[in-house]
Amino acid sequence: MDIEQLVDHFGAGTVLFIIALAVGILFGGAAQHSRFCLRSAAIEFSERRWGVSIATWFVAFGAAVASVQFLIAAEYFDVSEARQIAATGSLSGAIIGGLLFGSGMILARG
């Protein structure tokens, strides 16, 4: 049974919820088991220390990038109509948004 049949039978919302729940449990368990902490990796990076946290972050980031690129190359993902790629954006909007986001993170001590 493929995903299209599941969506036809149960509906898109239900199938999406079940897949998201399964992925969340899987990644949550992996993060808990590996003691993955993005904040500690950012602190290690800012202090120019190369410890376990930043190594774990590099492995996670590399796996994510490699997986997505593999799925695109295998033509499982069609990114030609992705909103971020298809639409023209404003560079000033991205800069202002990034500055506002960064300021909020600093103010929240995140």
Protein backbone atom coordinates (compact mmCIF):
# COMPACT_ATOMS: atom_id res chain seq x y z
CA MET A 1 0.00 0.00 0.00
CA ASP A 2 1.56 3.31 -1.02
CA ILE A 3 0.99 6.79 0.36
CA GLU A 4 -1.57 7.75 -2.30
CA GLN A 5 -3.79 4.84 -1.31
CA LEU A 6 -3.43 5.75 2.37
CA VAL A 7 -4.40 9.36 1.63
CA ASP A 8 -7.41 8.23 -0.39
CA HIS A 9 -8.54 5.91 2.40
CA PHE A 10 -7.78 7.93 5.56
CA GLY A 11 -7.45 11.51 4.29
CA ALA A 12 -4.41 13.75 3.93
CA GLY A 13 -4.59 15.23 7.43
CA THR A 14 -4.65 11.87 9.18
CA VAL A 15 -1.82 10.42 7.10
CA LEU A 16 0.28 13.55 7.59
CA PHE A 17 -0.33 13.43 11.35
CA ILE A 18 0.69 9.76 11.60
CA ILE A 19 3.84 10.27 9.52
CA ALA A 20 4.80 13.39 11.50
CA LEU A 21 4.21 11.55 14.77
CA ALA A 22 6.36 8.61 13.67
CA VAL A 23 9.18 10.88 12.46
CA GLY A 24 8.99 12.94 15.66
CA ILE A 25 9.20 9.85 17.87
CA LEU A 26 12.08 8.45 15.80
CA PHE A 27 14.10 11.67 15.79
CA GLY A 28 13.23 12.45 19.41
CA GLY A 29 14.45 9.04 20.50
CA ALA A 30 17.64 9.42 18.47
CA ALA A 31 18.26 12.90 19.91
CA GLN A 32 17.62 11.66 23.45
CA HIS A 33 19.89 8.66 22.97
CA SER A 34 22.73 10.71 21.48
CA ARG A 35 22.20 13.62 23.91
CA PHE A 36 21.96 15.98 20.92
CA CYS A 37 21.70 19.62 21.96
CA LEU A 38 21.77 22.36 19.34
CA ARG A 39 22.40 25.07 21.94
CA SER A 40 25.51 23.36 23.34
CA ALA A 41 26.81 22.92 19.78
CA ALA A 42 26.31 26.64 19.13
CA ILE A 43 28.13 27.49 22.36
CA GLU A 44 31.03 25.18 21.47
CA PHE A 45 31.22 26.75 18.02
CA SER A 46 31.20 30.30 19.38
CA GLU A 47 33.93 29.44 21.89
CA ARG A 48 35.95 27.71 19.13
CA ARG A 49 35.92 24.41 21.02
CA TRP A 50 35.48 21.28 18.92
CA GLY A 51 33.73 18.86 21.23
CA VAL A 52 31.13 16.12 21.06
CA SER A 53 28.15 18.46 20.65
CA ILE A 54 29.44 20.18 17.54
CA ALA A 55 30.58 16.87 16.04
CA THR A 56 27.08 15.47 16.59
CA TRP A 57 25.59 18.57 14.97
CA PHE A 58 27.85 18.20 11.92
CA VAL A 59 26.83 14.54 11.55
CA ALA A 60 23.12 15.43 11.83
CA PHE A 61 23.44 18.33 9.38
CA GLY A 62 25.45 16.28 6.91
CA ALA A 63 22.97 13.40 7.06
CA ALA A 64 20.06 15.77 6.45
CA VAL A 65 21.72 17.47 3.48
CA ALA A 66 22.87 14.17 1.95
CA SER A 67 19.44 12.58 2.41
CA VAL A 68 17.59 15.46 0.78
CA GLN A 69 20.04 15.64 -2.12
CA PHE A 70 19.73 11.90 -2.66
CA LEU A 71 15.93 12.09 -2.70
CA ILE A 72 16.06 15.00 -5.19
CA ALA A 73 18.52 13.12 -7.43
CA ALA A 74 16.30 10.01 -7.28
CA GLU A 75 13.43 12.26 -8.41
CA TYR A 76 11.41 11.44 -5.31
CA PHE A 77 11.20 15.15 -4.46
CA ASP A 78 10.21 17.68 -7.11
CA VAL A 79 11.58 21.01 -5.95
CA SER A 80 10.95 22.92 -9.17
CA GLU A 81 7.70 24.35 -7.82
CA ALA A 82 8.83 24.90 -4.24
CA ARG A 83 7.70 28.31 -3.02
CA GLN A 84 11.20 29.31 -1.93
CA ILE A 85 12.69 28.51 -5.34
CA ALA A 86 9.85 29.45 -7.70
CA ALA A 87 8.99 32.87 -6.22
CA THR A 88 11.21 35.90 -6.49
CA GLY A 89 11.95 37.34 -3.11
CA SER A 90 13.13 40.59 -1.68
CA LEU A 91 16.71 40.70 -0.46
CA SER A 92 15.91 43.63 1.83
CA GLY A 93 13.00 41.65 3.32
CA ALA A 94 15.31 38.73 4.04
CA ILE A 95 17.92 41.00 5.64
CA ILE A 96 15.38 42.85 7.78
CA GLY A 97 13.69 39.58 8.76
CA GLY A 98 17.03 38.03 9.68
CA LEU A 99 18.00 41.03 11.79
CA LEU A 100 14.65 41.00 13.59
CA PHE A 101 14.89 37.27 14.22
CA GLY A 102 18.46 37.54 15.48
CA SER A 103 17.56 40.45 17.75
CA GLY A 104 14.67 38.47 19.18
CA MET A 105 16.93 35.49 19.83
CA ILE A 106 19.45 37.71 21.62
CA LEU A 107 16.77 39.38 23.72
CA ALA A 108 15.30 35.99 24.63
CA ARG A 109 18.79 34.70 25.47
CA GLY A 110 18.22 31.81 23.08
